[in-house]
Amino acid sequence: MSGEKTSANLADLLERILDKGIVIVGDIQINLLDIELLTIKLRLLVASVDRAKEMGIDWWEHDPSLSSKARQAQAEAQSQADAGDRALLEENRLLRERLAALEAGDGAAAEPAGKAAGKAAGKAAGKEPRS
């Protein structure tokens, strides 16, 4: 009978700890001849997820290795960055074509690529191209 009472008390204690939260703090300091070589500060928080969120702790929701939503957001951000890179590569290609045409002395061939590159460069700089 005492085993049941102990487990019930342990369950109550664990429930209380998770509900209220508990912080365990410890510092380790290593000195040699009054010279501090190493200091380790340990902080341990034991609380329920709901209690942690109330305290403003929710790092696991933003860690891609722990959250599928964070992984999805990271993949979307990478996709947008890749799209921006493709746009820059296309603009670079158009500018190289225009430069090659100008160096060859063929002004008519450079005009379409030049307009497209000018528009792309204007958008990148936040300016409207001149007609």
N, C-alpha and C. Protein backbone atom coordinates (compact mmCIF):
# COMPACT_ATOMS: atom_id res chain seq x y z
N MET A 1 0.80 -1.20 0.00
CA MET A 1 0.00 0.00 0.00
C MET A 1 0.84 1.25 0.00
N SER A 2 1.98 1.23 0.68
CA SER A 2 2.82 2.42 0.73
C SER A 2 3.41 2.73 -0.64
N GLY A 3 3.57 1.70 -1.50
CA GLY A 3 4.07 1.91 -2.86
C GLY A 3 3.10 2.75 -3.68
N GLU A 4 1.79 2.53 -3.51
CA GLU A 4 0.79 3.31 -4.24
C GLU A 4 0.78 4.76 -3.77
N LYS A 5 0.93 4.95 -2.47
CA LYS A 5 0.91 6.30 -1.92
C LYS A 5 2.14 7.08 -2.38
N THR A 6 3.30 6.43 -2.43
CA THR A 6 4.53 7.07 -2.88
C THR A 6 4.42 7.46 -4.35
N SER A 7 3.90 6.55 -5.18
CA SER A 7 3.78 6.87 -6.60
C SER A 7 2.76 7.99 -6.82
N ALA A 8 1.71 8.02 -6.03
CA ALA A 8 0.74 9.11 -6.13
C ALA A 8 1.38 10.43 -5.73
N ASN A 9 2.18 10.43 -4.68
CA ASN A 9 2.88 11.65 -4.26
C ASN A 9 3.89 12.09 -5.31
N LEU A 10 4.58 11.12 -5.91
CA LEU A 10 5.55 11.44 -6.95
C LEU A 10 4.85 12.04 -8.17
N ALA A 11 3.70 11.48 -8.53
CA ALA A 11 2.93 12.01 -9.66
C ALA A 11 2.45 13.43 -9.35
N ASP A 12 1.99 13.65 -8.12
CA ASP A 12 1.55 15.00 -7.73
C ASP A 12 2.72 15.98 -7.78
N LEU A 13 3.88 15.54 -7.30
CA LEU A 13 5.07 16.39 -7.31
C LEU A 13 5.48 16.74 -8.74
N LEU A 14 5.49 15.73 -9.61
CA LEU A 14 5.85 15.96 -11.01
C LEU A 14 4.86 16.90 -11.68
N GLU A 15 3.57 16.72 -11.41
CA GLU A 15 2.55 17.60 -11.97
C GLU A 15 2.74 19.03 -11.49
N ARG A 16 3.05 19.19 -10.22
CA ARG A 16 3.26 20.53 -9.67
C ARG A 16 4.50 21.19 -10.29
N ILE A 17 5.57 20.42 -10.45
CA ILE A 17 6.80 20.96 -11.05
C ILE A 17 6.54 21.40 -12.48
N LEU A 18 5.85 20.55 -13.26
CA LEU A 18 5.58 20.91 -14.65
C LEU A 18 4.63 22.09 -14.76
N ASP A 19 3.70 22.19 -13.82
CA ASP A 19 2.74 23.29 -13.85
C ASP A 19 3.39 24.61 -13.48
N LYS A 20 4.18 24.62 -12.44
CA LYS A 20 4.81 25.86 -11.96
C LYS A 20 6.15 26.11 -12.62
N GLY A 21 6.87 25.06 -12.89
CA GLY A 21 8.22 25.18 -13.44
C GLY A 21 9.24 25.21 -12.32
N ILE A 22 10.43 24.77 -12.63
CA ILE A 22 11.52 24.79 -11.65
C ILE A 22 12.80 25.15 -12.40
N VAL A 23 13.62 25.95 -11.78
CA VAL A 23 14.89 26.35 -12.36
C VAL A 23 16.01 25.85 -11.47
N ILE A 24 16.98 25.19 -12.09
CA ILE A 24 18.16 24.72 -11.37
C ILE A 24 19.35 25.46 -11.95
N VAL A 25 20.11 26.10 -11.09
CA VAL A 25 21.22 26.94 -11.53
C VAL A 25 22.51 26.43 -10.91
N GLY A 26 23.56 26.42 -11.71
CA GLY A 26 24.86 26.03 -11.19
C GLY A 26 25.97 26.67 -12.00
N ASP A 27 27.02 27.08 -11.32
CA ASP A 27 28.18 27.67 -11.99
C ASP A 27 29.41 26.86 -11.63
N ILE A 28 30.25 26.64 -12.63
CA ILE A 28 31.52 25.95 -12.41
C ILE A 28 32.62 26.91 -12.85
N GLN A 29 33.58 27.13 -11.97
CA GLN A 29 34.66 28.06 -12.29
C GLN A 29 35.98 27.38 -11.97
N ILE A 30 36.89 27.42 -12.95
CA ILE A 30 38.21 26.82 -12.76
C ILE A 30 39.24 27.94 -12.78
N ASN A 31 39.99 28.04 -11.68
CA ASN A 31 41.04 29.07 -11.55
C ASN A 31 42.38 28.40 -11.33
N LEU A 32 43.42 29.05 -11.81
CA LEU A 32 44.79 28.60 -11.57
C LEU A 32 45.59 29.81 -11.12
N LEU A 33 46.02 29.82 -9.88
CA LEU A 33 46.76 30.93 -9.30
C LEU A 33 46.01 32.25 -9.45
N ASP A 34 44.75 32.25 -9.10
CA ASP A 34 43.87 33.42 -9.17
C ASP A 34 43.63 33.94 -10.59
N ILE A 35 43.88 33.09 -11.59
CA ILE A 35 43.58 33.44 -12.98
C ILE A 35 42.43 32.56 -13.43
N GLU A 36 41.36 33.20 -13.87
CA GLU A 36 40.19 32.45 -14.30
C GLU A 36 40.45 31.79 -15.64
N LEU A 37 40.43 30.47 -15.67
CA LEU A 37 40.67 29.74 -16.91
C LEU A 37 39.38 29.38 -17.63
N LEU A 38 38.36 29.03 -16.85
CA LEU A 38 37.12 28.55 -17.45
C LEU A 38 35.96 28.83 -16.52
N THR A 39 34.87 29.31 -17.09
CA THR A 39 33.64 29.48 -16.32
C THR A 39 32.50 28.87 -17.13
N ILE A 40 31.77 28.00 -16.50
CA ILE A 40 30.62 27.36 -17.14
C ILE A 40 29.39 27.70 -16.31
N LYS A 41 28.41 28.30 -16.96
CA LYS A 41 27.16 28.65 -16.27
C LYS A 41 26.09 27.70 -16.78
N LEU A 42 25.51 26.95 -15.86
CA LEU A 42 24.48 25.99 -16.20
C LEU A 42 23.12 26.49 -15.72
N ARG A 43 22.14 26.43 -16.60
CA ARG A 43 20.78 26.81 -16.25
C ARG A 43 19.87 25.72 -16.79
N LEU A 44 19.04 25.15 -15.94
CA LEU A 44 18.12 24.10 -16.35
C LEU A 44 16.72 24.50 -15.94
N LEU A 45 15.82 24.51 -16.90
CA LEU A 45 14.43 24.85 -16.65
C LEU A 45 13.59 23.61 -16.94
N VAL A 46 12.82 23.19 -15.97
CA VAL A 46 11.90 22.06 -16.16
C VAL A 46 10.49 22.62 -16.02
N ALA A 47 9.71 22.53 -17.11
CA ALA A 47 8.35 23.05 -17.11
C ALA A 47 7.59 22.38 -18.24
N SER A 48 6.28 22.48 -18.19
CA SER A 48 5.45 21.96 -19.29
C SER A 48 5.58 22.89 -20.48
N VAL A 49 5.19 22.41 -21.64
CA VAL A 49 5.25 23.21 -22.86
C VAL A 49 4.36 24.45 -22.72
N ASP A 50 3.18 24.26 -22.17
CA ASP A 50 2.27 25.40 -21.99
C ASP A 50 2.87 26.45 -21.07
N ARG A 51 3.46 26.01 -19.99
CA ARG A 51 4.08 26.94 -19.03
C ARG A 51 5.27 27.66 -19.68
N ALA A 52 6.07 26.92 -20.45
CA ALA A 52 7.21 27.54 -21.13
C ALA A 52 6.75 28.61 -22.11
N LYS A 53 5.67 28.33 -22.85
CA LYS A 53 5.13 29.33 -23.79
C LYS A 53 4.64 30.56 -23.05
N GLU A 54 4.03 30.37 -21.88
CA GLU A 54 3.59 31.51 -21.08
C GLU A 54 4.78 32.39 -20.68
N MET A 55 5.93 31.76 -20.47
CA MET A 55 7.13 32.51 -20.09
C MET A 55 7.86 33.09 -21.30
N GLY A 56 7.35 32.80 -22.50
CA GLY A 56 7.96 33.35 -23.71
C GLY A 56 9.06 32.47 -24.29
N ILE A 57 9.10 31.22 -23.89
CA ILE A 57 10.12 30.29 -24.39
C ILE A 57 9.44 29.38 -25.40
N ASP A 58 9.86 29.48 -26.68
CA ASP A 58 9.26 28.64 -27.72
C ASP A 58 10.27 28.33 -28.83
N TRP A 59 11.53 28.20 -28.48
CA TRP A 59 12.58 28.01 -29.47
C TRP A 59 12.38 26.74 -30.30
N TRP A 60 11.75 25.72 -29.78
CA TRP A 60 11.56 24.47 -30.50
C TRP A 60 10.62 24.64 -31.69
N GLU A 61 9.78 25.69 -31.68
CA GLU A 61 8.88 25.93 -32.79
C GLU A 61 9.59 26.55 -33.99
N HIS A 62 10.76 27.13 -33.77
CA HIS A 62 11.49 27.83 -34.83
C HIS A 62 12.74 27.09 -35.27
N ASP A 63 13.00 25.94 -34.69
CA ASP A 63 14.19 25.15 -35.01
C ASP A 63 13.83 24.15 -36.12
N PRO A 64 14.44 24.27 -37.32
CA PRO A 64 14.07 23.38 -38.43
C PRO A 64 14.31 21.90 -38.13
N SER A 65 15.21 21.59 -37.23
CA SER A 65 15.46 20.18 -36.92
C SER A 65 14.39 19.60 -35.99
N LEU A 66 13.55 20.46 -35.40
CA LEU A 66 12.52 19.99 -34.48
C LEU A 66 11.10 20.26 -34.97
N SER A 67 10.91 21.18 -35.91
CA SER A 67 9.57 21.60 -36.31
C SER A 67 9.40 21.51 -37.82
N SER A 68 8.33 20.83 -38.26
CA SER A 68 8.08 20.73 -39.70
C SER A 68 7.67 22.09 -40.27
N LYS A 69 7.00 22.92 -39.47
CA LYS A 69 6.64 24.27 -39.94
C LYS A 69 7.89 25.11 -40.17
N ALA A 70 8.86 24.99 -39.28
CA ALA A 70 10.12 25.74 -39.44
C ALA A 70 10.88 25.24 -40.65
N ARG A 71 10.87 23.91 -40.90
CA ARG A 71 11.53 23.36 -42.08
C ARG A 71 10.87 23.89 -43.35
N GLN A 72 9.54 23.95 -43.36
CA GLN A 72 8.81 24.44 -44.52
C GLN A 72 9.12 25.93 -44.76
N ALA A 73 9.14 26.72 -43.70
CA ALA A 73 9.47 28.14 -43.84
C ALA A 73 10.89 28.33 -44.35
N GLN A 74 11.81 27.49 -43.88
CA GLN A 74 13.19 27.57 -44.33
C GLN A 74 13.28 27.21 -45.82
N ALA A 75 12.54 26.18 -46.24
CA ALA A 75 12.55 25.78 -47.65
C ALA A 75 11.96 26.88 -48.54
N GLU A 76 10.88 27.53 -48.07
CA GLU A 76 10.29 28.63 -48.84
C GLU A 76 11.25 29.80 -48.97
N ALA A 77 11.95 30.12 -47.89
CA ALA A 77 12.92 31.21 -47.93
C ALA A 77 14.05 30.88 -48.91
N GLN A 78 14.49 29.62 -48.90
CA GLN A 78 15.55 29.20 -49.82
C GLN A 78 15.06 29.28 -51.26
N SER A 79 13.81 28.90 -51.49
CA SER A 79 13.22 28.96 -52.83
C SER A 79 13.18 30.39 -53.34
N GLN A 80 12.79 31.34 -52.47
CA GLN A 80 12.75 32.74 -52.86
C GLN A 80 14.15 33.27 -53.15
N ALA A 81 15.12 32.84 -52.36
CA ALA A 81 16.50 33.27 -52.60
C ALA A 81 17.00 32.71 -53.94
N ASP A 82 16.64 31.45 -54.24
CA ASP A 82 17.04 30.86 -55.52
C ASP A 82 16.41 31.60 -56.69
N ALA A 83 15.14 32.02 -56.55
CA ALA A 83 14.47 32.77 -57.61
C ALA A 83 15.18 34.11 -57.83
N GLY A 84 15.57 34.75 -56.76
CA GLY A 84 16.32 36.01 -56.88
C GLY A 84 17.65 35.80 -57.56
N ASP A 85 18.32 34.68 -57.24
CA ASP A 85 19.59 34.37 -57.89
C ASP A 85 19.40 34.15 -59.39
N ARG A 86 18.32 33.45 -59.76
CA ARG A 86 18.05 33.21 -61.18
C ARG A 86 17.82 34.53 -61.91
N ALA A 87 17.09 35.45 -61.27
CA ALA A 87 16.84 36.75 -61.90
C ALA A 87 18.16 37.51 -62.10
N LEU A 88 19.04 37.45 -61.11
CA LEU A 88 20.34 38.13 -61.25
C LEU A 88 21.19 37.48 -62.34
N LEU A 89 21.15 36.16 -62.44
CA LEU A 89 21.90 35.47 -63.49
C LEU A 89 21.38 35.85 -64.88
N GLU A 90 20.04 35.96 -65.01
CA GLU A 90 19.45 36.36 -66.29
C GLU A 90 19.84 37.79 -66.64
N GLU A 91 19.79 38.67 -65.65
CA GLU A 91 20.19 40.06 -65.90
C GLU A 91 21.66 40.13 -66.30
N ASN A 92 22.49 39.35 -65.65
CA ASN A 92 23.92 39.30 -65.96
C ASN A 92 24.13 38.81 -67.39
N ARG A 93 23.38 37.77 -67.80
CA ARG A 93 23.51 37.24 -69.15
C ARG A 93 23.12 38.30 -70.19
N LEU A 94 22.01 39.01 -69.93
CA LEU A 94 21.57 40.05 -70.87
C LEU A 94 22.60 41.18 -70.97
N LEU A 95 23.17 41.56 -69.86
CA LEU A 95 24.18 42.63 -69.87
C LEU A 95 25.44 42.19 -70.62
N ARG A 96 25.82 40.93 -70.45
CA ARG A 96 26.99 40.42 -71.20
C ARG A 96 26.73 40.40 -72.70
N GLU A 97 25.51 40.01 -73.09
CA GLU A 97 25.15 40.03 -74.52
C GLU A 97 25.21 41.45 -75.06
N ARG A 98 24.69 42.40 -74.30
CA ARG A 98 24.69 43.80 -74.73
C ARG A 98 26.12 44.32 -74.86
N LEU A 99 26.94 43.99 -73.87
CA LEU A 99 28.33 44.43 -73.90
C LEU A 99 29.06 43.83 -75.10
N ALA A 100 28.83 42.55 -75.36
CA ALA A 100 29.49 41.90 -76.51
C ALA A 100 29.04 42.54 -77.82
N ALA A 101 27.75 42.87 -77.93
CA ALA A 101 27.24 43.50 -79.15
C ALA A 101 27.80 44.91 -79.30
N LEU A 102 27.92 45.65 -78.20
CA LEU A 102 28.48 47.00 -78.27
C LEU A 102 29.96 46.96 -78.63
N GLU A 103 30.68 45.99 -78.09
CA GLU A 103 32.11 45.86 -78.42
C GLU A 103 32.30 45.47 -79.87
N ALA A 104 31.35 44.71 -80.44
CA ALA A 104 31.43 44.30 -81.84
C ALA A 104 31.00 45.44 -82.76
N GLY A 105 30.44 46.51 -82.21
CA GLY A 105 30.02 47.66 -83.01
C GLY A 105 28.66 47.47 -83.64
N ASP A 106 27.90 46.53 -83.16
CA ASP A 106 26.57 46.27 -83.72
C ASP A 106 25.53 46.86 -82.78
N GLY A 107 25.23 48.14 -82.95
CA GLY A 107 24.29 48.85 -82.09
C GLY A 107 22.88 48.34 -82.20
N ALA A 108 22.47 47.90 -83.40
CA ALA A 108 21.09 47.42 -83.59
C ALA A 108 20.86 46.13 -82.83
N ALA A 109 21.86 45.25 -82.80
CA ALA A 109 21.72 43.97 -82.10
C ALA A 109 21.70 44.17 -80.60
N ALA A 110 22.34 45.23 -80.13
CA ALA A 110 22.41 45.46 -78.69
C ALA A 110 21.13 46.08 -78.14
N GLU A 111 20.31 46.67 -79.01
CA GLU A 111 19.14 47.40 -78.53
C GLU A 111 18.14 46.55 -77.75
N PRO A 112 17.64 45.41 -78.26
CA PRO A 112 16.65 44.65 -77.49
C PRO A 112 17.20 44.14 -76.15
N ALA A 113 18.40 43.61 -76.18
CA ALA A 113 18.99 43.12 -74.94
C ALA A 113 19.26 44.29 -74.00
N GLY A 114 19.65 45.40 -74.55
CA GLY A 114 19.93 46.58 -73.74
C GLY A 114 18.69 47.09 -73.04
N LYS A 115 17.56 47.12 -73.75
CA LYS A 115 16.33 47.57 -73.12
C LYS A 115 15.93 46.63 -72.00
N ALA A 116 16.03 45.32 -72.27
CA ALA A 116 15.66 44.34 -71.24
C ALA A 116 16.58 44.43 -70.04
N ALA A 117 17.88 44.58 -70.30
CA ALA A 117 18.83 44.70 -69.19
C ALA A 117 18.62 45.99 -68.43
N GLY A 118 18.31 47.07 -69.19
CA GLY A 118 18.06 48.35 -68.53
C GLY A 118 16.83 48.30 -67.64
N LYS A 119 15.78 47.64 -68.11
CA LYS A 119 14.59 47.49 -67.29
C LYS A 119 14.89 46.67 -66.04
N ALA A 120 15.64 45.56 -66.23
CA ALA A 120 15.96 44.71 -65.08
C ALA A 120 16.84 45.46 -64.09
N ALA A 121 17.80 46.23 -64.60
CA ALA A 121 18.68 47.00 -63.71
C ALA A 121 17.90 48.10 -63.03
N GLY A 122 16.95 48.73 -63.75
CA GLY A 122 16.11 49.77 -63.15
C GLY A 122 15.25 49.23 -62.04
N LYS A 123 14.68 48.04 -62.25
CA LYS A 123 13.87 47.42 -61.20
C LYS A 123 14.72 47.10 -60.00
N ALA A 124 15.93 46.58 -60.24
CA ALA A 124 16.81 46.24 -59.13
C ALA A 124 17.20 47.47 -58.33
N ALA A 125 17.36 48.61 -59.04
CA ALA A 125 17.74 49.85 -58.35
C ALA A 125 16.53 50.61 -57.83
N GLY A 126 15.32 50.14 -58.20
CA GLY A 126 14.10 50.82 -57.75
C GLY A 126 13.76 52.03 -58.58
N LYS A 127 14.26 52.09 -59.82
CA LYS A 127 14.01 53.23 -60.69
C LYS A 127 13.22 52.76 -61.92
N GLU A 128 12.49 53.65 -62.48
CA GLU A 128 11.76 53.38 -63.71
C GLU A 128 12.69 53.62 -64.89
N PRO A 129 12.71 52.75 -65.89
CA PRO A 129 13.56 52.97 -67.07
C PRO A 129 13.05 54.12 -67.92
N ARG A 130 13.97 54.82 -68.54
CA ARG A 130 13.62 55.93 -69.43
C ARG A 130 13.32 55.40 -70.81
N SER A 131 12.34 56.00 -71.51
CA SER A 131 12.02 55.56 -72.87
C SER A 131 12.63 56.48 -73.88
